[in-house]
């Protein structure tokens, strides 16, 4: 995801931003920390995959320091971290290299390490100079999601092909993730005829790909400073701002009925702002090639979108836990 673009129509003296000073050492430090946090979280997904059959039988997994030294656990955790970081890095470098191509000043990616379910809170770049042309806006906005999706796609299909079908896991303490159309297609291709009462335990590579397409879909929402907002503005100009309130309402509705995380996303979008900076060529049209690519991006959004990323966490279900 990209930070706000500077509004070139307001070229006044402002206080120097944190991002005005180049801090490559910080980019490297955050990257290394995120690799570590992703590896650390990947251990739990590796254990779940390796011991899926035992867990499905209700056997209690004996966690000891030695289990973390198991070469198979370590290698799977490293693979998970490598695939996830590669997808996120491709996304941000897609933005960064396109900025460099158009000689637009931008920072290197800043990764955010965190012991979340996936091991990070993502990454971003800061674009420090104005984008003045629609085609530049489209190319920069589209490059990130396209690059990330290109790596996430094979990760999902290859990872699903390695996944396991086991007797239904105990629901207590288990996390059930939602599927995108893309994941459902991969399951239909590689894991046909799943018996009733059985669950799929995905390979860590598949989970990294799942995260990748989720990040792609989140960033392609056509609002504000998200990648989808930049793409939509390149096509519709100021008219695109009329969609912002409806997208915000959509987040709230999804937060109520699907997943409360959509409330957090709505707050984040509100913080970043709905208003998109203007460009100089507001009346220009996108080329035929970019129009075709725009259709492809819409398809990518549709097959990547997951309305309920985690089951059991809509507003009613959470309230029900306290009643």
C-alpha atoms as a PDB file:
ATOM      1  CA  UNK A   1       0.000   0.000   0.000  1.00  0.00           C
ATOM      2  CA  UNK A   2       1.215   3.499  -0.780  1.00  0.00           C
ATOM      3  CA  UNK A   3       1.135   6.563   1.405  1.00  0.00           C
ATOM      4  CA  UNK A   4      -0.554   9.784   0.348  1.00  0.00           C
ATOM      5  CA  UNK A   5       0.681  11.454  -2.769  1.00  0.00           C
ATOM      6  CA  UNK A   6       1.709  15.072  -2.377  1.00  0.00           C
ATOM      7  CA  UNK A   7      -0.739  17.570  -3.828  1.00  0.00           C
ATOM      8  CA  UNK A   8       1.270  19.549  -6.377  1.00  0.00           C
ATOM      9  CA  UNK A   9      -1.332  22.318  -6.322  1.00  0.00           C
ATOM     10  CA  UNK A  10      -0.245  23.257  -2.827  1.00  0.00           C
ATOM     11  CA  UNK A  11       3.471  23.914  -3.188  1.00  0.00           C
ATOM     12  CA  UNK A  12       4.130  25.815   0.027  1.00  0.00           C
ATOM     13  CA  UNK A  13       6.899  25.595   2.551  1.00  0.00           C
ATOM     14  CA  UNK A  14       6.134  22.803   4.987  1.00  0.00           C
ATOM     15  CA  UNK A  15       7.868  21.192   7.891  1.00  0.00           C
ATOM     16  CA  UNK A  16      10.331  18.516   6.817  1.00  0.00           C
ATOM     17  CA  UNK A  17       8.852  15.041   6.921  1.00  0.00           C
ATOM     18  CA  UNK A  18      10.478  12.015   8.510  1.00  0.00           C
ATOM     19  CA  UNK A  19      10.697  10.529   5.000  1.00  0.00           C
ATOM     20  CA  UNK A  20      12.642  13.499   3.610  1.00  0.00           C
ATOM     21  CA  UNK A  21      15.851  12.030   5.008  1.00  0.00           C
ATOM     22  CA  UNK A  22      17.124   8.856   3.402  1.00  0.00           C
ATOM     23  CA  UNK A  23      17.449   6.090   5.993  1.00  0.00           C
ATOM     24  CA  UNK A  24      18.474   2.965   4.113  1.00  0.00           C
ATOM     25  CA  UNK A  25      19.718   1.413   7.343  1.00  0.00           C
ATOM     26  CA  UNK A  26      16.167   1.585   8.717  1.00  0.00           C
ATOM     27  CA  UNK A  27      14.706  -0.078   5.624  1.00  0.00           C
ATOM     28  CA  UNK A  28      17.241  -2.908   6.005  1.00  0.00           C
ATOM     29  CA  UNK A  29      16.662  -3.225   9.764  1.00  0.00           C
ATOM     30  CA  UNK A  30      12.874  -3.387   9.400  1.00  0.00           C
ATOM     31  CA  UNK A  31      13.201  -5.863   6.549  1.00  0.00           C
ATOM     32  CA  UNK A  32      15.414  -8.149   8.639  1.00  0.00           C
ATOM     33  CA  UNK A  33      13.078  -7.856  11.631  1.00  0.00           C
ATOM     34  CA  UNK A  34      10.094  -8.738   9.437  1.00  0.00           C
ATOM     35  CA  UNK A  35      11.890 -11.786   8.043  1.00  0.00           C
ATOM     36  CA  UNK A  36      12.485 -12.914  11.622  1.00  0.00           C
ATOM     37  CA  UNK A  37       8.905 -12.270  12.771  1.00  0.00           C
ATOM     38  CA  UNK A  38       7.518 -14.078   9.708  1.00  0.00           C
ATOM     39  CA  UNK A  39       9.850 -17.017  10.394  1.00  0.00           C
ATOM     40  CA  UNK A  40       8.817 -17.072  14.065  1.00  0.00           C
ATOM     41  CA  UNK A  41       5.098 -17.108  13.219  1.00  0.00           C
ATOM     42  CA  UNK A  42       5.768 -19.607  10.437  1.00  0.00           C
ATOM     43  CA  UNK A  43       6.838 -22.137  13.080  1.00  0.00           C
ATOM     44  CA  UNK A  44       3.247 -22.472  14.304  1.00  0.00           C
ATOM     45  CA  UNK A  45       1.934 -22.999  10.749  1.00  0.00           C
ATOM     46  CA  UNK A  46       4.702 -25.520  10.084  1.00  0.00           C
ATOM     47  CA  UNK A  47       3.854 -27.478  13.248  1.00  0.00           C
ATOM     48  CA  UNK A  48       0.148 -27.443  12.358  1.00  0.00           C
ATOM     49  CA  UNK A  49       0.949 -28.853   8.927  1.00  0.00           C
ATOM     50  CA  UNK A  50       3.519 -31.455  10.009  1.00  0.00           C
ATOM     51  CA  UNK A  51       1.435 -32.794  12.903  1.00  0.00           C
ATOM     52  CA  UNK A  52      -2.003 -32.385  11.297  1.00  0.00           C
ATOM     53  CA  UNK A  53      -2.856 -36.090  11.530  1.00  0.00           C
ATOM     54  CA  UNK A  54      -1.981 -36.254  15.234  1.00  0.00           C
ATOM     55  CA  UNK A  55      -3.978 -33.112  15.987  1.00  0.00           C
ATOM     56  CA  UNK A  56      -6.988 -34.485  14.076  1.00  0.00           C
ATOM     57  CA  UNK A  57      -6.907 -37.581  16.316  1.00  0.00           C
ATOM     58  CA  UNK A  58      -7.119 -35.352  19.351  1.00  0.00           C
ATOM     59  CA  UNK A  59      -3.568 -36.096  20.449  1.00  0.00           C
ATOM     60  CA  UNK A  60      -1.974 -33.335  22.444  1.00  0.00           C
ATOM     61  CA  UNK A  61       1.153 -32.030  20.765  1.00  0.00           C
ATOM     62  CA  UNK A  62       4.044 -32.076  23.224  1.00  0.00           C
ATOM     63  CA  UNK A  63       5.745 -28.732  22.736  1.00  0.00           C
ATOM     64  CA  UNK A  64       9.364 -28.788  23.874  1.00  0.00           C
ATOM     65  CA  UNK A  65      12.401 -26.688  22.979  1.00  0.00           C
ATOM     66  CA  UNK A  66      13.691 -29.575  20.868  1.00  0.00           C
ATOM     67  CA  UNK A  67      10.689 -29.480  18.543  1.00  0.00           C
ATOM     68  CA  UNK A  68      11.779 -26.018  17.414  1.00  0.00           C
ATOM     69  CA  UNK A  69      15.132 -27.460  16.396  1.00  0.00           C
ATOM     70  CA  UNK A  70      13.537 -30.034  14.119  1.00  0.00           C
ATOM     71  CA  UNK A  71      15.129 -29.423  10.678  1.00  0.00           C
ATOM     72  CA  UNK A  72      11.777 -29.991   8.964  1.00  0.00           C
ATOM     73  CA  UNK A  73      10.079 -27.373  11.132  1.00  0.00           C
ATOM     74  CA  UNK A  74      12.885 -24.895  10.554  1.00  0.00           C
ATOM     75  CA  UNK A  75      12.951 -25.455   6.781  1.00  0.00           C
ATOM     76  CA  UNK A  76       9.168 -25.083   6.407  1.00  0.00           C
ATOM     77  CA  UNK A  77       9.217 -21.928   8.530  1.00  0.00           C
ATOM     78  CA  UNK A  78      12.009 -20.480   6.404  1.00  0.00           C
ATOM     79  CA  UNK A  79      10.088 -21.339   3.234  1.00  0.00           C
ATOM     80  CA  UNK A  80       6.950 -19.666   4.571  1.00  0.00           C
ATOM     81  CA  UNK A  81       8.887 -16.516   5.493  1.00  0.00           C
ATOM     82  CA  UNK A  82      10.720 -16.460   2.156  1.00  0.00           C
ATOM     83  CA  UNK A  83       7.545 -16.824   0.057  1.00  0.00           C
ATOM     84  CA  UNK A  84       5.573 -14.282   2.093  1.00  0.00           C
ATOM     85  CA  UNK A  85       8.354 -11.694   2.093  1.00  0.00           C
ATOM     86  CA  UNK A  86       8.944 -12.238  -1.638  1.00  0.00           C
ATOM     87  CA  UNK A  87       5.274 -11.510  -2.391  1.00  0.00           C
ATOM     88  CA  UNK A  88       5.198  -8.376  -0.228  1.00  0.00           C
ATOM     89  CA  UNK A  89       8.552  -7.200  -1.577  1.00  0.00           C
ATOM     90  CA  UNK A  90       7.411  -7.716  -5.175  1.00  0.00           C
ATOM     91  CA  UNK A  91       4.312  -5.625  -4.461  1.00  0.00           C
ATOM     92  CA  UNK A  92       6.252  -2.695  -3.036  1.00  0.00           C
ATOM     93  CA  UNK A  93       9.092  -2.903  -5.542  1.00  0.00           C
ATOM     94  CA  UNK A  94       6.501  -2.803  -8.306  1.00  0.00           C
ATOM     95  CA  UNK A  95       5.498   0.635  -7.023  1.00  0.00           C
ATOM     96  CA  UNK A  96       9.081   1.724  -6.332  1.00  0.00           C
ATOM     97  CA  UNK A  97      10.590   0.711  -9.682  1.00  0.00           C
ATOM     98  CA  UNK A  98       7.722   2.289 -11.598  1.00  0.00           C
ATOM     99  CA  UNK A  99       8.336   5.508  -9.677  1.00  0.00           C
ATOM    100  CA  UNK A 100      12.010   5.294 -10.609  1.00  0.00           C
ATOM    101  CA  UNK A 101      11.047   4.752 -14.256  1.00  0.00           C
ATOM    102  CA  UNK A 102       9.040   7.993 -14.246  1.00  0.00           C
ATOM    103  CA  UNK A 103      11.713   9.757 -12.146  1.00  0.00           C
ATOM    104  CA  UNK A 104       9.322  10.251  -9.268  1.00  0.00           C
ATOM    105  CA  UNK A 105      10.989  10.410  -5.864  1.00  0.00           C
ATOM    106  CA  UNK A 106       9.999   7.551  -3.552  1.00  0.00           C
ATOM    107  CA  UNK A 107      11.475   5.745  -0.567  1.00  0.00           C
ATOM    108  CA  UNK A 108      12.548   2.145  -0.474  1.00  0.00           C
ATOM    109  CA  UNK A 109       9.942  -0.182   1.101  1.00  0.00           C
ATOM    110  CA  UNK A 110       9.388   0.020   4.843  1.00  0.00           C
ATOM    111  CA  UNK A 111       8.376  -3.379   6.268  1.00  0.00           C
ATOM    112  CA  UNK A 112       6.415  -3.635   9.501  1.00  0.00           C
ATOM    113  CA  UNK A 113       7.375  -6.614  11.702  1.00  0.00           C
ATOM    114  CA  UNK A 114       4.674  -7.877  14.052  1.00  0.00           C
ATOM    115  CA  UNK A 115       3.809 -11.174  15.796  1.00  0.00           C
ATOM    116  CA  UNK A 116       0.413 -11.305  14.083  1.00  0.00           C
ATOM    117  CA  UNK A 117      -1.176 -14.397  12.527  1.00  0.00           C
ATOM    118  CA  UNK A 118       0.965 -13.822   9.429  1.00  0.00           C
ATOM    119  CA  UNK A 119       4.097 -12.378  11.041  1.00  0.00           C
ATOM    120  CA  UNK A 120       3.897  -8.838   9.702  1.00  0.00           C
ATOM    121  CA  UNK A 121       1.599  -5.884   9.225  1.00  0.00           C
ATOM    122  CA  UNK A 122       2.715  -5.439   5.638  1.00  0.00           C
ATOM    123  CA  UNK A 123       4.934  -2.870   3.972  1.00  0.00           C
ATOM    124  CA  UNK A 124       4.668   0.502   2.286  1.00  0.00           C
ATOM    125  CA  UNK A 125       6.613   3.079   0.326  1.00  0.00           C
ATOM    126  CA  UNK A 126       6.372   6.838   0.633  1.00  0.00           C
ATOM    127  CA  UNK A 127       6.080   8.775  -2.616  1.00  0.00           C
ATOM    128  CA  UNK A 128       7.696  12.136  -1.995  1.00  0.00           C
ATOM    129  CA  UNK A 129       7.109  14.024  -5.242  1.00  0.00           C
ATOM    130  CA  UNK A 130       3.845  14.710  -7.093  1.00  0.00           C
ATOM    131  CA  UNK A 131       2.432  12.469  -9.791  1.00  0.00           C
ATOM    132  CA  UNK A 132       1.176  14.794 -12.509  1.00  0.00           C
ATOM    133  CA  UNK A 133      -0.063  12.476 -15.267  1.00  0.00           C
ATOM    134  CA  UNK A 134      -2.892   9.951 -15.341  1.00  0.00           C
ATOM    135  CA  UNK A 135      -0.883   7.242 -17.061  1.00  0.00           C
ATOM    136  CA  UNK A 136       1.806   7.539 -14.391  1.00  0.00           C
ATOM    137  CA  UNK A 137      -0.815   7.279 -11.663  1.00  0.00           C
ATOM    138  CA  UNK A 138      -2.295   4.165 -13.242  1.00  0.00           C
ATOM    139  CA  UNK A 139       1.052   2.479 -13.838  1.00  0.00           C
ATOM    140  CA  UNK A 140       2.317   3.120 -10.303  1.00  0.00           C
ATOM    141  CA  UNK A 141      -0.950   2.012  -8.727  1.00  0.00           C
ATOM    142  CA  UNK A 142      -1.231  -1.139 -10.845  1.00  0.00           C
ATOM    143  CA  UNK A 143       2.402  -2.283 -10.732  1.00  0.00           C
ATOM    144  CA  UNK A 144       2.333  -3.317  -7.064  1.00  0.00           C
ATOM    145  CA  UNK A 145      -0.764  -5.544  -7.076  1.00  0.00           C
ATOM    146  CA  UNK A 146       0.229  -7.109 -10.400  1.00  0.00           C
ATOM    147  CA  UNK A 147       3.749  -7.961  -9.222  1.00  0.00           C
ATOM    148  CA  UNK A 148       2.529  -9.392  -5.921  1.00  0.00           C
ATOM    149  CA  UNK A 149      -0.225 -11.406  -7.607  1.00  0.00           C
ATOM    150  CA  UNK A 150       2.216 -12.931 -10.107  1.00  0.00           C
ATOM    151  CA  UNK A 151       4.135 -14.468  -7.183  1.00  0.00           C
ATOM    152  CA  UNK A 152       1.105 -15.299  -5.028  1.00  0.00           C
ATOM    153  CA  UNK A 153      -0.617 -17.235  -7.829  1.00  0.00           C
ATOM    154  CA  UNK A 154       1.918 -20.093  -8.145  1.00  0.00           C
ATOM    155  CA  UNK A 155       2.362 -20.146  -4.356  1.00  0.00           C
ATOM    156  CA  UNK A 156      -1.344 -20.915  -3.923  1.00  0.00           C
ATOM    157  CA  UNK A 157      -1.554 -23.610  -6.583  1.00  0.00           C
ATOM    158  CA  UNK A 158       1.722 -25.307  -5.650  1.00  0.00           C
ATOM    159  CA  UNK A 159       1.017 -24.995  -1.924  1.00  0.00           C
ATOM    160  CA  UNK A 160      -2.500 -26.434  -2.265  1.00  0.00           C
ATOM    161  CA  UNK A 161      -1.069 -29.381  -4.199  1.00  0.00           C
ATOM    162  CA  UNK A 162       1.081 -30.140  -1.124  1.00  0.00           C
ATOM    163  CA  UNK A 163      -1.710 -29.657   1.405  1.00  0.00           C
ATOM    164  CA  UNK A 164      -3.235 -32.445   3.495  1.00  0.00           C
ATOM    165  CA  UNK A 165      -6.746 -33.812   3.934  1.00  0.00           C
ATOM    166  CA  UNK A 166      -7.264 -35.031   7.495  1.00  0.00           C
ATOM    167  CA  UNK A 167     -10.230 -35.999   9.699  1.00  0.00           C
ATOM    168  CA  UNK A 168     -12.023 -32.918  11.004  1.00  0.00           C
ATOM    169  CA  UNK A 169      -9.866 -30.963  13.415  1.00  0.00           C
ATOM    170  CA  UNK A 170     -11.125 -29.996  16.868  1.00  0.00           C
ATOM    171  CA  UNK A 171     -12.957 -26.694  16.435  1.00  0.00           C
ATOM    172  CA  UNK A 172     -11.920 -25.381  19.829  1.00  0.00           C
ATOM    173  CA  UNK A 173      -8.676 -23.480  19.430  1.00  0.00           C
ATOM    174  CA  UNK A 174      -8.652 -23.875  15.647  1.00  0.00           C
ATOM    175  CA  UNK A 175      -8.596 -20.946  13.233  1.00  0.00           C
ATOM    176  CA  UNK A 176     -10.757 -21.333  10.144  1.00  0.00           C
ATOM    177  CA  UNK A 177      -9.783 -19.129   7.217  1.00  0.00           C
ATOM    178  CA  UNK A 178     -12.036 -18.069   4.378  1.00  0.00           C
ATOM    179  CA  UNK A 179     -11.287 -18.867   0.759  1.00  0.00           C
ATOM    180  CA  UNK A 180     -11.072 -16.658  -2.296  1.00  0.00           C
ATOM    181  CA  UNK A 181     -12.344 -17.887  -5.648  1.00  0.00           C
ATOM    182  CA  UNK A 182      -8.718 -18.507  -6.575  1.00  0.00           C
ATOM    183  CA  UNK A 183      -8.123 -20.797  -3.594  1.00  0.00           C
ATOM    184  CA  UNK A 184     -11.397 -22.637  -4.254  1.00  0.00           C
ATOM    185  CA  UNK A 185     -10.251 -23.266  -7.825  1.00  0.00           C
ATOM    186  CA  UNK A 186      -6.904 -24.612  -6.622  1.00  0.00           C
ATOM    187  CA  UNK A 187      -8.669 -26.906  -4.139  1.00  0.00           C
ATOM    188  CA  UNK A 188     -11.013 -28.160  -6.867  1.00  0.00           C
ATOM    189  CA  UNK A 189      -8.004 -28.879  -9.078  1.00  0.00           C
ATOM    190  CA  UNK A 190      -5.732 -30.678  -6.601  1.00  0.00           C
ATOM    191  CA  UNK A 191      -7.921 -31.874  -3.715  1.00  0.00           C
ATOM    192  CA  UNK A 192     -10.986 -33.356  -5.340  1.00  0.00           C
ATOM    193  CA  UNK A 193     -13.668 -35.427  -3.594  1.00  0.00           C
ATOM    194  CA  UNK A 194     -12.927 -34.363  -0.029  1.00  0.00           C
ATOM    195  CA  UNK A 195     -14.928 -36.742   2.196  1.00  0.00           C
ATOM    196  CA  UNK A 196     -17.508 -35.345   4.587  1.00  0.00           C
ATOM    197  CA  UNK A 197     -16.058 -34.757   8.033  1.00  0.00           C
ATOM    198  CA  UNK A 198     -12.584 -33.983   6.739  1.00  0.00           C
ATOM    199  CA  UNK A 199     -10.607 -30.722   6.746  1.00  0.00           C
ATOM    200  CA  UNK A 200      -7.836 -29.290   4.616  1.00  0.00           C
ATOM    201  CA  UNK A 201      -4.618 -28.350   6.364  1.00  0.00           C
ATOM    202  CA  UNK A 202      -2.776 -26.069   3.980  1.00  0.00           C
ATOM    203  CA  UNK A 203       0.943 -26.171   3.364  1.00  0.00           C
ATOM    204  CA  UNK A 204       2.805 -23.066   4.630  1.00  0.00           C
ATOM    205  CA  UNK A 205       3.517 -22.085   1.005  1.00  0.00           C
ATOM    206  CA  UNK A 206      -0.224 -22.060   0.301  1.00  0.00           C
ATOM    207  CA  UNK A 207      -0.848 -19.948   3.389  1.00  0.00           C
ATOM    208  CA  UNK A 208       1.784 -17.433   2.265  1.00  0.00           C
ATOM    209  CA  UNK A 209       0.030 -17.286  -1.114  1.00  0.00           C
ATOM    210  CA  UNK A 210      -3.320 -16.859   0.654  1.00  0.00           C
ATOM    211  CA  UNK A 211      -1.907 -13.844   2.486  1.00  0.00           C
ATOM    212  CA  UNK A 212      -0.548 -12.510  -0.799  1.00  0.00           C
ATOM    213  CA  UNK A 213      -3.890 -12.528  -2.601  1.00  0.00           C
ATOM    214  CA  UNK A 214      -5.623 -11.073   0.463  1.00  0.00           C
ATOM    215  CA  UNK A 215      -3.136  -8.182   0.489  1.00  0.00           C
ATOM    216  CA  UNK A 216      -3.704  -7.738  -3.244  1.00  0.00           C
ATOM    217  CA  UNK A 217      -7.478  -7.548  -2.803  1.00  0.00           C
ATOM    218  CA  UNK A 218      -7.263  -5.172   0.165  1.00  0.00           C
ATOM    219  CA  UNK A 219      -5.104  -2.754  -1.775  1.00  0.00           C
ATOM    220  CA  UNK A 220      -7.326  -2.903  -4.850  1.00  0.00           C
ATOM    221  CA  UNK A 221     -10.374  -1.442  -3.136  1.00  0.00           C
ATOM    222  CA  UNK A 222     -11.199   1.613  -5.294  1.00  0.00           C
ATOM    223  CA  UNK A 223     -10.976   4.275  -2.630  1.00  0.00           C
ATOM    224  CA  UNK A 224      -8.682   7.076  -1.470  1.00  0.00           C
ATOM    225  CA  UNK A 225      -4.959   6.387  -1.335  1.00  0.00           C
ATOM    226  CA  UNK A 226      -5.157   2.630  -1.908  1.00  0.00           C
ATOM    227  CA  UNK A 227      -3.790   1.216  -5.150  1.00  0.00           C
ATOM    228  CA  UNK A 228      -7.342   0.713  -6.382  1.00  0.00           C
ATOM    229  CA  UNK A 229      -8.092   4.341  -5.569  1.00  0.00           C
ATOM    230  CA  UNK A 230      -5.179   5.497  -7.742  1.00  0.00           C
ATOM    231  CA  UNK A 231      -6.282   3.233 -10.596  1.00  0.00           C
ATOM    232  CA  UNK A 232      -9.888   4.407 -10.407  1.00  0.00           C
ATOM    233  CA  UNK A 233      -8.839   8.077 -10.315  1.00  0.00           C
ATOM    234  CA  UNK A 234      -6.706   7.526 -13.415  1.00  0.00           C
ATOM    235  CA  UNK A 235      -9.857   6.433 -15.250  1.00  0.00           C
ATOM    236  CA  UNK A 236     -12.571   8.637 -13.737  1.00  0.00           C
ATOM    237  CA  UNK A 237     -10.709  11.626 -12.298  1.00  0.00           C
ATOM    238  CA  UNK A 238     -12.575  13.620  -9.602  1.00  0.00           C
ATOM    239  CA  UNK A 239     -15.770  11.648 -10.287  1.00  0.00           C
ATOM    240  CA  UNK A 240     -14.171   8.675  -8.516  1.00  0.00           C
ATOM    241  CA  UNK A 241     -14.477  10.499  -5.178  1.00  0.00           C
ATOM    242  CA  UNK A 242     -18.255   9.999  -5.230  1.00  0.00           C
ATOM    243  CA  UNK A 243     -17.716   6.274  -4.640  1.00  0.00           C
ATOM    244  CA  UNK A 244     -15.772   6.761  -1.400  1.00  0.00           C
ATOM    245  CA  UNK A 245     -18.785   6.986   0.981  1.00  0.00           C
ATOM    246  CA  UNK A 246     -20.303   3.852  -0.556  1.00  0.00           C
ATOM    247  CA  UNK A 247     -17.071   1.905  -0.165  1.00  0.00           C
ATOM    248  CA  UNK A 248     -16.884   3.002   3.468  1.00  0.00           C
ATOM    249  CA  UNK A 249     -20.461   1.822   4.017  1.00  0.00           C
ATOM    250  CA  UNK A 250     -19.490  -1.495   2.412  1.00  0.00           C
ATOM    251  CA  UNK A 251     -16.648  -1.911   4.926  1.00  0.00           C
ATOM    252  CA  UNK A 252     -19.043  -1.283   7.808  1.00  0.00           C
ATOM    253  CA  UNK A 253     -21.637  -3.750   6.490  1.00  0.00           C
ATOM    254  CA  UNK A 254     -18.940  -6.406   5.972  1.00  0.00           C
ATOM    255  CA  UNK A 255     -17.661  -5.737   9.486  1.00  0.00           C
ATOM    256  CA  UNK A 256     -21.105  -6.463  10.880  1.00  0.00           C
ATOM    257  CA  UNK A 257     -21.882  -9.604   8.892  1.00  0.00           C
ATOM    258  CA  UNK A 258     -18.513 -11.094   7.877  1.00  0.00           C
ATOM    259  CA  UNK A 259     -15.399 -10.010   9.805  1.00  0.00           C
ATOM    260  CA  UNK A 260     -14.811  -7.208  12.319  1.00  0.00           C
ATOM    261  CA  UNK A 261     -11.414  -6.541  10.749  1.00  0.00           C
ATOM    262  CA  UNK A 262     -13.285  -4.546   8.113  1.00  0.00           C
ATOM    263  CA  UNK A 263     -13.978  -1.924  10.797  1.00  0.00           C
ATOM    264  CA  UNK A 264     -10.217  -1.519  11.259  1.00  0.00           C
ATOM    265  CA  UNK A 265      -9.798  -1.191   7.509  1.00  0.00           C
ATOM    266  CA  UNK A 266     -12.507   1.493   7.421  1.00  0.00           C
ATOM    267  CA  UNK A 267     -10.697   3.442  10.153  1.00  0.00           C
ATOM    268  CA  UNK A 268      -7.390   3.140   8.306  1.00  0.00           C
ATOM    269  CA  UNK A 269      -8.922   4.395   5.060  1.00  0.00           C
ATOM    270  CA  UNK A 270     -10.539   7.299   6.908  1.00  0.00           C
ATOM    271  CA  UNK A 271      -7.165   8.181   8.423  1.00  0.00           C
ATOM    272  CA  UNK A 272      -5.407   8.113   5.051  1.00  0.00           C
ATOM    273  CA  UNK A 273      -8.169  10.233   3.548  1.00  0.00           C
ATOM    274  CA  UNK A 274     -10.725   9.877   0.782  1.00  0.00           C
ATOM    275  CA  UNK A 275      -9.584  12.852  -1.282  1.00  0.00           C
ATOM    276  CA  UNK A 276      -7.229  12.016  -4.113  1.00  0.00           C
ATOM    277  CA  UNK A 277      -4.728  14.661  -5.281  1.00  0.00           C
ATOM    278  CA  UNK A 278      -5.457  15.994  -8.774  1.00  0.00           C
ATOM    279  CA  UNK A 279      -3.288  15.544 -11.858  1.00  0.00           C
ATOM    280  CA  UNK A 280      -2.483  18.033 -14.612  1.00  0.00           C
ATOM    281  CA  UNK A 281      -4.128  16.124 -17.447  1.00  0.00           C
ATOM    282  CA  UNK A 282      -7.559  15.580 -15.877  1.00  0.00           C
ATOM    283  CA  UNK A 283      -9.246  15.429 -19.288  1.00  0.00           C
ATOM    284  CA  UNK A 284      -6.967  12.813 -20.830  1.00  0.00           C
ATOM    285  CA  UNK A 285      -8.068   9.233 -21.524  1.00  0.00           C
ATOM    286  CA  UNK A 286      -6.325   5.968 -20.766  1.00  0.00           C
ATOM    287  CA  UNK A 287      -4.756   4.092 -23.673  1.00  0.00           C
ATOM    288  CA  UNK A 288      -6.438   0.952 -25.012  1.00  0.00           C
ATOM    289  CA  UNK A 289      -3.726  -1.192 -23.469  1.00  0.00           C
ATOM    290  CA  UNK A 290      -4.285   0.307 -20.020  1.00  0.00           C
ATOM    291  CA  UNK A 291      -8.047  -0.160 -20.369  1.00  0.00           C
ATOM    292  CA  UNK A 292      -7.480  -3.866 -21.031  1.00  0.00           C
ATOM    293  CA  UNK A 293      -5.103  -4.046 -18.096  1.00  0.00           C
ATOM    294  CA  UNK A 294      -7.722  -2.298 -15.960  1.00  0.00           C
ATOM    295  CA  UNK A 295     -10.208  -5.071 -16.790  1.00  0.00           C
ATOM    296  CA  UNK A 296      -7.579  -7.657 -15.840  1.00  0.00           C
ATOM    297  CA  UNK A 297      -7.073  -5.892 -12.497  1.00  0.00           C
ATOM    298  CA  UNK A 298     -10.826  -6.020 -11.807  1.00  0.00           C
ATOM    299  CA  UNK A 299     -10.737  -9.779 -12.463  1.00  0.00           C
ATOM    300  CA  UNK A 300      -7.739 -10.143 -10.132  1.00  0.00           C
ATOM    301  CA  UNK A 301      -9.661  -8.291  -7.415  1.00  0.00           C
ATOM    302  CA  UNK A 302     -12.708 -10.529  -7.838  1.00  0.00           C
ATOM    303  CA  UNK A 303     -10.785 -13.828  -7.685  1.00  0.00           C
ATOM    304  CA  UNK A 304      -8.615 -12.605  -4.776  1.00  0.00           C
ATOM    305  CA  UNK A 305     -11.277 -11.041  -2.560  1.00  0.00           C
ATOM    306  CA  UNK A 306     -12.138 -12.859   0.685  1.00  0.00           C
ATOM    307  CA  UNK A 307     -15.260 -11.426   2.386  1.00  0.00           C
ATOM    308  CA  UNK A 308     -14.651 -13.448   5.553  1.00  0.00           C
ATOM    309  CA  UNK A 309     -10.875 -13.923   5.975  1.00  0.00           C
ATOM    310  CA  UNK A 310     -11.364 -15.511   9.407  1.00  0.00           C
ATOM    311  CA  UNK A 311     -14.534 -17.376  10.357  1.00  0.00           C
ATOM    312  CA  UNK A 312     -16.314 -16.734  13.637  1.00  0.00           C
ATOM    313  CA  UNK A 313     -15.444 -13.066  13.968  1.00  0.00           C
ATOM    314  CA  UNK A 314     -18.342 -11.039  12.659  1.00  0.00           C
ATOM    315  CA  UNK A 315     -19.931  -8.522  15.015  1.00  0.00           C
ATOM    316  CA  UNK A 316     -22.846 -10.762  16.021  1.00  0.00           C
ATOM    317  CA  UNK A 317     -20.582 -13.741  16.752  1.00  0.00           C
ATOM    318  CA  UNK A 318     -18.274 -11.677  18.926  1.00  0.00           C
ATOM    319  CA  UNK A 319     -21.174 -10.133  20.870  1.00  0.00           C
ATOM    320  CA  UNK A 320     -22.628 -13.624  21.283  1.00  0.00           C
ATOM    321  CA  UNK A 321     -19.493 -14.720  23.119  1.00  0.00           C
ATOM    322  CA  UNK A 322     -20.274 -12.256  25.915  1.00  0.00           C
ATOM    323  CA  UNK A 323     -24.003 -12.963  26.209  1.00  0.00           C
END
